[in-house]
Each structure stands twice: as C-alpha cells, then as structure tokens.
Amino acid sequence: MTPHQRLGRAAALALTLTRLALGPIDLLLARQGADGRLLAASVLIAALSDVYDGKVARRFAVDTANLRRFDSMTDTLFYLCVAVAVWMLHPGIIRSHMILLIAFVVMQIGGYLFDVAKFGRDTSYHTWTGRTFGLALFVAATLIFWTGNASPWLAIALVIGLISHLDALIITIVLPEWHHDVHTIRNALRIRADFKQRLRPSTTSP
C-alpha cells in the first residue's frame, strides 16, 4: 500500500469511526434528556460520514472487503443506538410501530444467519435498496428527534428496510461465493454467470 493509499484508508476509517462513536453519544444525550436537535445533528453528521467514507475509500482505491464490512457493521450499530435513543425519548413512537419493527428485526437476524451459514461470514452488499433505506431512516430519525413526530416517515423507512432485506436475501441466494458491494440482483446474476463460465471446461482442442 502506497503512502497515498494509507492516507486515504486512514481518512475513510476516521469517518467510519466517527459514526461508531456517535451511537453511544446519542444514548448518553437521550439518557440526559438533551434537546432533540442535538441528536438530530448527530444523525446528520453520521449520515454525512456514511456518504463520504465510501467515496474516500473508492477515491484512494482502498475499498477493501474488510473496510466495507466494518462500514456496514458500524451502520447497524449506530442505528441500533438511535433506536434505543428514540425508545428512551419517545417510547410511544416505538410502540406504535412495533409490528414493523419486529418484522424488520426478524429479517435482519434471519438474513445474517443465512449469510453466515452460506458464506461463513456476514455480507456487505451496499445495495441501492439498502442505500434508499438508509436515506429514509435518516429522514425519519432526524424528524423524530427534531419534532417528536414520526409519521409517516418511520413506517416508510421500515417498509423500505424490509424490501432491502429481501433484496439482500435474494442476492445471497444467487451468489455462488462471497462478494462485497453487490448493488443489485442483476449484479449478482452477472457474478453467478461469470462464476459458471470459469468452471465450464474448455472445449478447445489441444
């Protein structure tokens, strides 16, 4: 790795770690009953770090599988902290969306177990549906903390989240081997076709 790439990797990792640190900070702020605008600002900073850590990693050609997996795990941990913070400040919002939340958690856990059973590790697809879910979740969380009102954005975000989990599940089913950054089912089908092509014996005569 060149010095230029090491610098890029450090910058991308710093952005991801910023998001990781903001999760516990949000919990502390919620526990202290802090102004919701502080938590909304935290969600905004986290969303910006999520956008730019990937851009920086690609710009410096350091978007490795491990870095991308860490990015995905950080997203999950951050929004888990956000969910707990919402529960602490606005428990009624959580109760009113309980069915969707339970369905989402079941699909999250089920998808993770299926990924590990097939590939021996978790996946990091960064699908377009997953990115849409992240945007919708950002809008919902920001509005909840800023206004105390979740309607209708949290329900919309959770439905998109269910769709993104289904999308990722199909990609896992399609893929013959582990890959990261598989943005669509079409990409997964192309990877599967390439894999089969590599396995096909050559018909060229010696």
Protein backbone atom coordinates (compact mmCIF):
# COMPACT_ATOMS: atom_id res chain seq x y z
CA MET A 1 0.00 0.00 0.00
CA THR A 2 1.40 3.37 -1.01
CA PRO A 3 1.60 6.35 1.39
CA HIS A 4 -1.18 7.96 -0.66
CA GLN A 5 -3.40 4.92 -0.10
CA ARG A 6 -2.54 4.74 3.60
CA LEU A 7 -3.67 8.34 3.95
CA GLY A 8 -6.92 7.57 2.15
CA ARG A 9 -7.54 4.50 4.27
CA ALA A 10 -6.94 6.48 7.46
CA ALA A 11 -9.37 9.19 6.32
CA ALA A 12 -12.08 6.67 5.39
CA LEU A 13 -11.61 4.80 8.65
CA ALA A 14 -11.78 8.06 10.64
CA LEU A 15 -15.14 8.87 9.07
CA THR A 16 -16.48 5.43 9.90
CA LEU A 17 -15.17 5.61 13.46
CA THR A 18 -16.86 8.99 13.86
CA ARG A 19 -20.19 7.33 13.14
CA LEU A 20 -19.37 4.49 15.51
CA ALA A 21 -18.62 6.96 18.33
CA LEU A 22 -21.82 8.93 17.73
CA GLY A 23 -24.02 5.96 18.67
CA PRO A 24 -23.04 5.86 22.37
CA ILE A 25 -23.05 9.67 22.43
CA ASP A 26 -26.68 9.62 21.29
CA LEU A 27 -27.53 7.19 24.08
CA LEU A 28 -25.88 9.47 26.63
CA LEU A 29 -27.71 12.52 25.29
CA ALA A 30 -31.05 10.68 25.35
CA ARG A 31 -30.45 9.47 28.89
CA GLN A 32 -29.81 13.04 30.00
CA GLY A 33 -32.94 14.25 28.22
CA ALA A 34 -30.93 16.53 25.94
CA ASP A 35 -32.50 18.77 23.32
CA GLY A 36 -33.64 16.60 20.41
CA ARG A 37 -31.94 18.97 17.98
CA LEU A 38 -28.58 17.76 19.30
CA LEU A 39 -29.50 14.20 18.43
CA ALA A 40 -30.82 15.30 15.05
CA ALA A 41 -27.46 16.98 14.40
CA SER A 42 -25.72 13.75 15.39
CA VAL A 43 -27.79 11.80 12.85
CA LEU A 44 -26.90 14.35 10.17
CA ILE A 45 -23.18 14.07 10.93
CA ALA A 46 -23.43 10.27 10.88
CA ALA A 47 -25.23 10.33 7.53
CA LEU A 48 -22.55 12.57 6.02
CA SER A 49 -19.81 10.28 7.34
CA ASP A 50 -21.62 7.31 5.81
CA VAL A 51 -21.70 9.00 2.41
CA TYR A 52 -18.11 10.16 2.39
CA ASP A 53 -16.26 7.22 3.93
CA GLY A 54 -17.17 5.13 0.89
CA LYS A 55 -16.34 7.95 -1.51
CA VAL A 56 -12.93 8.45 0.09
CA ALA A 57 -12.20 4.71 0.11
CA ARG A 58 -13.01 4.44 -3.60
CA ARG A 59 -11.12 7.63 -4.43
CA PHE A 60 -7.93 6.21 -2.90
CA ALA A 61 -8.60 2.64 -4.12
CA VAL A 62 -8.70 1.22 -0.59
CA ASP A 63 -12.32 -0.01 -0.58
CA THR A 64 -11.33 -3.45 0.64
CA ALA A 65 -13.74 -6.14 1.79
CA ASN A 66 -12.77 -5.67 5.45
CA LEU A 67 -13.24 -1.90 5.32
CA ARG A 68 -16.63 -2.25 3.66
CA ARG A 69 -17.76 -4.87 6.16
CA PHE A 70 -16.71 -2.59 9.01
CA ASP A 71 -18.72 0.21 7.40
CA SER A 72 -21.84 -2.00 7.29
CA MET A 73 -21.41 -3.15 10.89
CA THR A 74 -20.98 0.46 12.00
CA ASP A 75 -24.22 1.44 10.26
CA THR A 76 -26.07 -1.30 12.11
CA LEU A 77 -24.61 -0.38 15.50
CA PHE A 78 -25.24 3.33 15.03
CA TYR A 79 -28.89 2.93 14.11
CA LEU A 80 -29.37 0.41 16.90
CA CYS A 81 -28.23 3.14 19.28
CA VAL A 82 -30.58 5.59 17.54
CA ALA A 83 -33.48 3.16 18.01
CA VAL A 84 -32.73 2.87 21.73
CA ALA A 85 -32.44 6.66 21.99
CA VAL A 86 -35.87 7.02 20.34
CA TRP A 87 -37.26 4.48 22.80
CA MET A 88 -35.87 6.50 25.71
CA LEU A 89 -37.23 9.82 24.48
CA HIS A 90 -40.36 8.79 22.58
CA PRO A 91 -41.46 5.29 23.71
CA GLY A 92 -44.90 5.81 22.18
CA ILE A 93 -43.37 6.01 18.70
CA ILE A 94 -41.68 2.64 19.18
CA ARG A 95 -44.89 1.05 20.48
CA SER A 96 -46.95 2.37 17.58
CA HIS A 97 -44.52 0.82 15.07
CA MET A 98 -43.88 -2.41 16.96
CA ILE A 99 -45.17 -4.82 14.29
CA LEU A 100 -42.96 -3.33 11.58
CA LEU A 101 -40.02 -3.17 13.96
CA ILE A 102 -40.38 -6.84 14.94
CA ALA A 103 -40.63 -7.87 11.27
CA PHE A 104 -37.55 -5.81 10.48
CA VAL A 105 -35.52 -7.31 13.34
CA VAL A 106 -36.57 -10.86 12.41
CA MET A 107 -35.45 -10.30 8.81
CA GLN A 108 -32.22 -8.68 9.96
CA ILE A 109 -31.31 -11.61 12.20
CA GLY A 110 -32.56 -14.22 9.73
CA GLY A 111 -30.59 -12.65 6.88
CA TYR A 112 -27.43 -12.52 8.98
CA LEU A 113 -27.75 -16.18 9.98
CA PHE A 114 -28.37 -17.20 6.37
CA ASP A 115 -25.31 -15.22 5.19
CA VAL A 116 -23.10 -16.84 7.81
CA ALA A 117 -24.49 -20.31 7.05
CA LYS A 118 -23.75 -19.93 3.32
CA PHE A 119 -20.52 -17.92 3.30
CA GLY A 120 -19.14 -18.31 6.82
CA ARG A 121 -19.32 -14.54 7.43
CA ASP A 122 -21.67 -11.60 7.17
CA THR A 123 -22.17 -9.72 3.92
CA SER A 124 -21.73 -6.11 2.86
CA TYR A 125 -23.66 -5.54 -0.37
CA HIS A 126 -24.42 -1.81 -0.12
CA THR A 127 -27.42 -2.36 -2.37
CA TRP A 128 -29.37 0.50 -3.90
CA THR A 129 -32.41 -0.55 -1.87
CA GLY A 130 -30.23 -0.54 1.24
CA ARG A 131 -29.00 2.97 0.46
CA THR A 132 -32.58 4.10 -0.08
CA PHE A 133 -33.43 2.60 3.30
CA GLY A 134 -30.53 4.48 4.88
CA LEU A 135 -31.78 7.76 3.41
CA ALA A 136 -35.35 7.12 4.59
CA LEU A 137 -34.11 6.15 8.05
CA PHE A 138 -32.02 9.32 8.22
CA VAL A 139 -35.09 11.44 7.40
CA ALA A 140 -37.23 9.58 9.94
CA ALA A 141 -34.68 9.75 12.76
CA THR A 142 -33.95 13.42 12.14
CA LEU A 143 -37.64 14.36 12.20
CA ILE A 144 -38.32 12.28 15.30
CA PHE A 145 -35.56 13.96 17.28
CA TRP A 146 -36.30 17.42 15.87
CA THR A 147 -40.12 17.41 16.09
CA GLY A 148 -41.08 14.37 18.16
CA ASN A 149 -43.25 13.17 15.27
CA ALA A 150 -42.53 10.01 13.25
CA SER A 151 -45.49 9.99 10.85
CA PRO A 152 -45.29 8.82 8.14
CA TRP A 153 -41.53 8.58 7.67
CA LEU A 154 -40.65 5.85 10.15
CA ALA A 155 -43.24 3.48 8.70
CA ILE A 156 -42.00 4.28 5.18
CA ALA A 157 -38.40 3.69 6.24
CA LEU A 158 -39.22 0.34 7.85
CA VAL A 159 -41.12 -0.88 4.78
CA ILE A 160 -38.16 0.08 2.59
CA GLY A 161 -35.93 -1.71 5.10
CA LEU A 162 -37.95 -4.90 4.71
CA ILE A 163 -37.63 -4.61 0.93
CA SER A 164 -33.87 -4.08 1.23
CA HIS A 165 -33.54 -7.17 3.43
CA LEU A 166 -35.47 -9.23 0.87
CA ASP A 167 -33.24 -7.82 -1.87
CA ALA A 168 -30.11 -8.80 0.07
CA LEU A 169 -31.51 -12.27 0.80
CA ILE A 170 -32.10 -12.93 -2.91
CA ILE A 171 -28.58 -11.72 -3.69
CA THR A 172 -27.17 -14.16 -1.13
CA ILE A 173 -29.19 -16.98 -2.68
CA VAL A 174 -27.96 -16.09 -6.17
CA LEU A 175 -24.28 -15.59 -5.40
CA PRO A 176 -22.12 -18.72 -5.65
CA GLU A 177 -19.37 -17.19 -3.48
CA TRP A 178 -18.87 -14.23 -1.16
CA HIS A 179 -18.63 -10.76 -2.71
CA HIS A 180 -18.92 -7.27 -1.31
CA ASP A 181 -20.57 -4.23 -2.91
CA VAL A 182 -23.10 -6.18 -4.97
CA HIS A 183 -25.57 -3.36 -5.59
CA THR A 184 -28.41 -5.21 -7.33
CA ILE A 185 -29.79 -8.67 -8.04
CA ARG A 186 -28.73 -8.10 -11.65
CA ASN A 187 -25.13 -7.68 -10.50
CA ALA A 188 -25.43 -10.92 -8.53
CA LEU A 189 -26.73 -12.77 -11.60
CA ARG A 190 -23.80 -11.46 -13.65
CA ILE A 191 -21.34 -12.64 -11.00
CA ARG A 192 -23.04 -16.04 -10.96
CA ALA A 193 -22.82 -16.30 -14.76
CA ASP A 194 -19.12 -15.36 -14.71
CA PHE A 195 -18.50 -17.95 -12.00
CA LYS A 196 -20.18 -20.69 -14.04
CA GLN A 197 -18.20 -19.62 -17.10
CA ARG A 198 -14.94 -20.03 -15.20
CA LEU A 199 -15.95 -23.51 -14.09
CA ARG A 200 -17.01 -24.63 -17.55
CA PRO A 201 -14.36 -26.93 -19.08
CA SER A 202 -12.68 -25.64 -22.22
CA THR A 203 -13.86 -27.22 -25.47
CA THR A 204 -10.79 -26.09 -27.38
CA SER A 205 -8.92 -28.99 -28.90
CA PRO A 206 -5.23 -29.34 -27.93
